[in-house]
């Protein structure tokens, strides 16, 4: 088993790539957990028209941007990623709503 080092401890590209690959697996697992909440939302919301909530979308993106600032990572990049994530989540939730 390969030891995964923290980014600052990496000295080779092999170590960097191992860390990135491990982190990507964790991120996908977290996304699976997030999409499970979209399944729950589709089950709980009374009407398809309630799936898209622009105020909530703005709040989620603002929260992610604020966390990016707190952690010292690029706020605009995180905002863009969350825009894509939220839109994908809405599309997923609409599909889940239609399957019920």
N, C-alpha and C. Protein backbone atom coordinates (compact mmCIF):
# COMPACT_ATOMS: atom_id res chain seq x y z
N UNK A 1 0.84 -1.19 0.00
CA UNK A 1 0.00 0.00 0.00
C UNK A 1 0.88 1.24 0.00
N UNK A 2 0.53 2.20 -0.83
CA UNK A 2 1.27 3.44 -0.93
C UNK A 2 0.86 4.39 0.19
N UNK A 3 1.83 4.97 0.84
CA UNK A 3 1.55 5.98 1.86
C UNK A 3 1.20 7.28 1.17
N UNK A 4 0.10 7.87 1.57
CA UNK A 4 -0.31 9.14 1.00
C UNK A 4 0.23 10.25 1.89
N UNK A 5 1.04 11.11 1.28
CA UNK A 5 1.64 12.21 2.01
C UNK A 5 0.78 13.46 1.86
N UNK A 6 0.89 14.36 2.83
CA UNK A 6 0.27 15.67 2.70
C UNK A 6 0.98 16.42 1.58
N UNK A 7 0.28 17.30 0.90
CA UNK A 7 0.85 18.04 -0.22
C UNK A 7 2.21 18.66 0.08
N UNK A 8 2.34 19.38 1.19
CA UNK A 8 3.63 20.01 1.48
C UNK A 8 4.77 19.01 1.70
N UNK A 9 4.45 17.76 2.01
CA UNK A 9 5.48 16.75 2.26
C UNK A 9 5.92 16.01 1.01
N UNK A 10 5.23 16.21 -0.11
CA UNK A 10 5.57 15.50 -1.34
C UNK A 10 6.86 16.06 -1.93
N UNK A 11 7.68 15.14 -2.43
CA UNK A 11 8.93 15.55 -3.08
C UNK A 11 9.05 15.00 -4.50
N UNK A 12 8.09 14.14 -4.90
CA UNK A 12 8.10 13.59 -6.25
C UNK A 12 6.70 13.70 -6.85
N UNK A 13 6.65 13.67 -8.16
CA UNK A 13 5.35 13.70 -8.83
C UNK A 13 4.56 12.42 -8.57
N UNK A 14 5.23 11.32 -8.34
CA UNK A 14 4.53 10.08 -7.99
C UNK A 14 3.77 10.26 -6.69
N UNK A 15 4.39 10.91 -5.72
CA UNK A 15 3.72 11.17 -4.44
C UNK A 15 2.56 12.14 -4.62
N UNK A 16 2.76 13.17 -5.42
CA UNK A 16 1.69 14.14 -5.70
C UNK A 16 0.51 13.44 -6.35
N UNK A 17 0.79 12.64 -7.38
CA UNK A 17 -0.29 11.96 -8.11
C UNK A 17 -1.02 10.97 -7.23
N UNK A 18 -0.30 10.27 -6.37
CA UNK A 18 -0.96 9.33 -5.44
C UNK A 18 -1.89 10.09 -4.51
N UNK A 19 -1.44 11.23 -4.03
CA UNK A 19 -2.29 12.04 -3.16
C UNK A 19 -3.51 12.57 -3.87
N UNK A 20 -3.33 13.07 -5.08
CA UNK A 20 -4.46 13.59 -5.87
C UNK A 20 -5.46 12.47 -6.15
N UNK A 21 -4.97 11.31 -6.56
CA UNK A 21 -5.86 10.19 -6.87
C UNK A 21 -6.65 9.74 -5.64
N UNK A 22 -5.98 9.69 -4.49
CA UNK A 22 -6.67 9.31 -3.25
C UNK A 22 -7.72 10.35 -2.88
N UNK A 23 -7.36 11.61 -3.01
CA UNK A 23 -8.30 12.67 -2.70
C UNK A 23 -9.48 12.67 -3.65
N UNK A 24 -9.23 12.41 -4.93
CA UNK A 24 -10.33 12.33 -5.89
C UNK A 24 -11.32 11.24 -5.52
N UNK A 25 -10.82 10.10 -5.06
CA UNK A 25 -11.73 9.03 -4.61
C UNK A 25 -12.58 9.51 -3.43
N UNK A 26 -11.95 10.23 -2.50
CA UNK A 26 -12.70 10.76 -1.35
C UNK A 26 -13.73 11.78 -1.80
N UNK A 27 -13.36 12.64 -2.74
CA UNK A 27 -14.31 13.64 -3.24
C UNK A 27 -15.51 12.99 -3.91
N UNK A 28 -15.29 11.96 -4.69
CA UNK A 28 -16.41 11.27 -5.34
C UNK A 28 -17.31 10.62 -4.29
N UNK A 29 -16.71 10.05 -3.26
CA UNK A 29 -17.51 9.47 -2.17
C UNK A 29 -18.34 10.56 -1.48
N UNK A 30 -17.76 11.72 -1.29
CA UNK A 30 -18.52 12.83 -0.69
C UNK A 30 -19.63 13.30 -1.63
N UNK A 31 -19.36 13.32 -2.93
CA UNK A 31 -20.40 13.68 -3.88
C UNK A 31 -21.55 12.67 -3.85
N UNK A 32 -21.22 11.40 -3.70
CA UNK A 32 -22.27 10.38 -3.59
C UNK A 32 -23.15 10.67 -2.37
N UNK A 33 -22.54 11.07 -1.28
CA UNK A 33 -23.31 11.44 -0.08
C UNK A 33 -24.18 12.65 -0.36
N UNK A 34 -23.63 13.62 -1.10
CA UNK A 34 -24.39 14.83 -1.42
C UNK A 34 -25.59 14.49 -2.30
N UNK A 35 -25.37 13.64 -3.31
CA UNK A 35 -26.47 13.26 -4.19
C UNK A 35 -27.55 12.46 -3.44
N UNK A 36 -27.18 11.75 -2.40
CA UNK A 36 -28.18 11.07 -1.58
C UNK A 36 -29.12 12.08 -0.93
N UNK A 37 -28.59 13.25 -0.58
CA UNK A 37 -29.47 14.32 -0.06
C UNK A 37 -30.39 14.85 -1.15
N UNK A 38 -29.93 14.84 -2.39
CA UNK A 38 -30.79 15.27 -3.49
C UNK A 38 -31.93 14.27 -3.68
N UNK A 39 -31.63 12.97 -3.52
CA UNK A 39 -32.69 11.95 -3.55
C UNK A 39 -33.71 12.23 -2.46
N UNK A 40 -33.23 12.56 -1.26
CA UNK A 40 -34.13 12.85 -0.15
C UNK A 40 -34.97 14.09 -0.45
N UNK A 41 -34.34 15.13 -1.00
CA UNK A 41 -35.08 16.35 -1.32
C UNK A 41 -36.17 16.07 -2.35
N UNK A 42 -35.85 15.26 -3.35
CA UNK A 42 -36.85 14.92 -4.37
C UNK A 42 -38.01 14.15 -3.77
N UNK A 43 -37.71 13.34 -2.76
CA UNK A 43 -38.76 12.57 -2.09
C UNK A 43 -39.61 13.47 -1.20
N UNK A 44 -39.00 14.47 -0.58
CA UNK A 44 -39.68 15.31 0.42
C UNK A 44 -40.44 16.47 -0.21
N UNK A 45 -39.91 17.08 -1.25
CA UNK A 45 -40.56 18.26 -1.84
C UNK A 45 -41.89 17.86 -2.46
N UNK A 46 -42.92 18.70 -2.23
CA UNK A 46 -44.26 18.32 -2.67
C UNK A 46 -44.50 18.49 -4.17
N UNK A 47 -43.71 19.34 -4.84
CA UNK A 47 -43.96 19.58 -6.26
C UNK A 47 -42.63 19.79 -6.99
N UNK A 48 -42.61 19.40 -8.24
CA UNK A 48 -41.41 19.52 -9.06
C UNK A 48 -40.92 20.96 -9.13
N UNK A 49 -41.84 21.90 -9.13
CA UNK A 49 -41.49 23.31 -9.19
C UNK A 49 -40.71 23.80 -7.99
N UNK A 50 -40.71 23.03 -6.92
CA UNK A 50 -39.96 23.40 -5.72
C UNK A 50 -38.49 22.98 -5.78
N UNK A 51 -38.13 22.22 -6.82
CA UNK A 51 -36.75 21.72 -6.91
C UNK A 51 -35.77 22.88 -7.07
N UNK A 52 -36.04 23.76 -8.02
CA UNK A 52 -35.12 24.89 -8.25
C UNK A 52 -35.48 26.00 -7.26
N UNK A 53 -34.50 26.39 -6.46
CA UNK A 53 -34.67 27.44 -5.45
C UNK A 53 -33.46 28.37 -5.59
N UNK A 54 -33.63 29.45 -6.33
CA UNK A 54 -32.50 30.33 -6.63
C UNK A 54 -31.91 30.97 -5.38
N UNK A 55 -32.74 31.27 -4.39
CA UNK A 55 -32.21 31.85 -3.15
C UNK A 55 -31.32 30.85 -2.43
N UNK A 56 -31.75 29.61 -2.37
CA UNK A 56 -30.93 28.57 -1.73
C UNK A 56 -29.65 28.33 -2.53
N UNK A 57 -29.76 28.31 -3.86
CA UNK A 57 -28.58 28.14 -4.70
C UNK A 57 -27.55 29.22 -4.39
N UNK A 58 -27.99 30.47 -4.34
CA UNK A 58 -27.08 31.58 -4.04
C UNK A 58 -26.45 31.42 -2.66
N UNK A 59 -27.24 30.96 -1.70
CA UNK A 59 -26.73 30.77 -0.34
C UNK A 59 -25.66 29.68 -0.30
N UNK A 60 -25.90 28.57 -0.99
CA UNK A 60 -24.95 27.45 -1.01
C UNK A 60 -23.62 27.90 -1.65
N UNK A 61 -23.71 28.64 -2.75
CA UNK A 61 -22.50 29.11 -3.41
C UNK A 61 -21.78 30.13 -2.55
N UNK A 62 -22.52 31.03 -1.92
CA UNK A 62 -21.90 32.01 -1.03
C UNK A 62 -21.20 31.32 0.15
N UNK A 63 -21.84 30.29 0.69
CA UNK A 63 -21.22 29.53 1.79
C UNK A 63 -19.90 28.90 1.35
N UNK A 64 -19.90 28.32 0.15
CA UNK A 64 -18.68 27.68 -0.37
C UNK A 64 -17.59 28.72 -0.61
N UNK A 65 -17.97 29.86 -1.15
CA UNK A 65 -16.99 30.92 -1.38
C UNK A 65 -16.40 31.41 -0.05
N UNK A 66 -17.24 31.57 0.94
CA UNK A 66 -16.76 32.03 2.25
C UNK A 66 -15.80 31.01 2.86
N UNK A 67 -16.11 29.73 2.70
CA UNK A 67 -15.23 28.69 3.23
C UNK A 67 -13.91 28.68 2.47
N UNK A 68 -13.95 28.96 1.18
CA UNK A 68 -12.72 29.06 0.40
C UNK A 68 -11.85 30.19 0.93
N UNK A 69 -12.45 31.33 1.20
CA UNK A 69 -11.70 32.46 1.75
C UNK A 69 -11.09 32.07 3.09
N UNK A 70 -11.90 31.43 3.93
CA UNK A 70 -11.42 31.03 5.26
C UNK A 70 -10.21 30.10 5.15
N UNK A 71 -10.24 29.20 4.16
CA UNK A 71 -9.17 28.23 4.00
C UNK A 71 -8.02 28.72 3.12
N UNK A 72 -8.17 29.89 2.53
CA UNK A 72 -7.11 30.44 1.71
C UNK A 72 -6.94 29.78 0.35
N UNK A 73 -8.05 29.30 -0.20
CA UNK A 73 -8.01 28.73 -1.55
C UNK A 73 -8.77 29.68 -2.48
N UNK A 74 -8.57 29.54 -3.79
CA UNK A 74 -9.14 30.52 -4.74
C UNK A 74 -10.67 30.58 -4.69
N UNK A 75 -11.17 31.70 -4.19
CA UNK A 75 -12.61 31.89 -4.02
C UNK A 75 -13.37 31.79 -5.34
N UNK A 76 -12.85 32.41 -6.39
CA UNK A 76 -13.56 32.37 -7.68
C UNK A 76 -13.62 30.96 -8.25
N UNK A 77 -12.54 30.22 -8.11
CA UNK A 77 -12.53 28.84 -8.60
C UNK A 77 -13.55 28.00 -7.85
N UNK A 78 -13.59 28.16 -6.53
CA UNK A 78 -14.56 27.41 -5.72
C UNK A 78 -15.98 27.83 -6.09
N UNK A 79 -16.20 29.13 -6.28
CA UNK A 79 -17.52 29.60 -6.69
C UNK A 79 -17.95 28.98 -8.01
N UNK A 80 -17.03 28.93 -8.97
CA UNK A 80 -17.35 28.31 -10.27
C UNK A 80 -17.65 26.82 -10.12
N UNK A 81 -16.84 26.13 -9.32
CA UNK A 81 -17.08 24.70 -9.09
C UNK A 81 -18.45 24.49 -8.45
N UNK A 82 -18.79 25.32 -7.48
CA UNK A 82 -20.07 25.14 -6.80
C UNK A 82 -21.24 25.50 -7.69
N UNK A 83 -21.08 26.46 -8.58
CA UNK A 83 -22.12 26.76 -9.56
C UNK A 83 -22.42 25.50 -10.38
N UNK A 84 -21.37 24.85 -10.85
CA UNK A 84 -21.53 23.63 -11.63
C UNK A 84 -22.12 22.52 -10.76
N UNK A 85 -21.64 22.38 -9.54
CA UNK A 85 -22.14 21.34 -8.63
C UNK A 85 -23.61 21.53 -8.33
N UNK A 86 -24.00 22.75 -8.03
CA UNK A 86 -25.41 23.00 -7.69
C UNK A 86 -26.30 22.76 -8.90
N UNK A 87 -25.89 23.19 -10.08
CA UNK A 87 -26.69 22.94 -11.28
C UNK A 87 -26.80 21.44 -11.57
N UNK A 88 -25.71 20.71 -11.38
CA UNK A 88 -25.76 19.26 -11.55
C UNK A 88 -26.68 18.63 -10.52
N UNK A 89 -26.65 19.14 -9.31
CA UNK A 89 -27.52 18.62 -8.24
C UNK A 89 -28.98 18.88 -8.55
N UNK A 90 -29.27 20.07 -9.09
CA UNK A 90 -30.65 20.38 -9.46
C UNK A 90 -31.12 19.44 -10.57
N UNK A 91 -30.29 19.23 -11.58
CA UNK A 91 -30.65 18.31 -12.67
C UNK A 91 -30.87 16.91 -12.13
N UNK A 92 -30.00 16.47 -11.22
CA UNK A 92 -30.14 15.15 -10.61
C UNK A 92 -31.44 15.06 -9.82
N UNK A 93 -31.72 16.10 -9.04
CA UNK A 93 -32.93 16.09 -8.22
C UNK A 93 -34.19 16.10 -9.09
N UNK A 94 -34.17 16.85 -10.18
CA UNK A 94 -35.32 16.84 -11.09
C UNK A 94 -35.55 15.45 -11.66
N UNK A 95 -34.48 14.78 -12.06
CA UNK A 95 -34.60 13.41 -12.57
C UNK A 95 -35.13 12.48 -11.50
N UNK A 96 -34.62 12.65 -10.27
CA UNK A 96 -35.09 11.81 -9.16
C UNK A 96 -36.56 12.09 -8.88
N UNK A 97 -36.96 13.35 -8.95
CA UNK A 97 -38.37 13.70 -8.73
C UNK A 97 -39.25 13.04 -9.78
N UNK A 98 -38.78 13.06 -11.03
CA UNK A 98 -39.55 12.47 -12.13
C UNK A 98 -39.67 10.95 -12.01
N UNK A 99 -38.72 10.30 -11.32
CA UNK A 99 -38.77 8.85 -11.16
C UNK A 99 -39.74 8.41 -10.06
N UNK A 100 -40.13 9.33 -9.20
CA UNK A 100 -40.98 8.90 -8.08
C UNK A 100 -42.42 8.64 -8.46
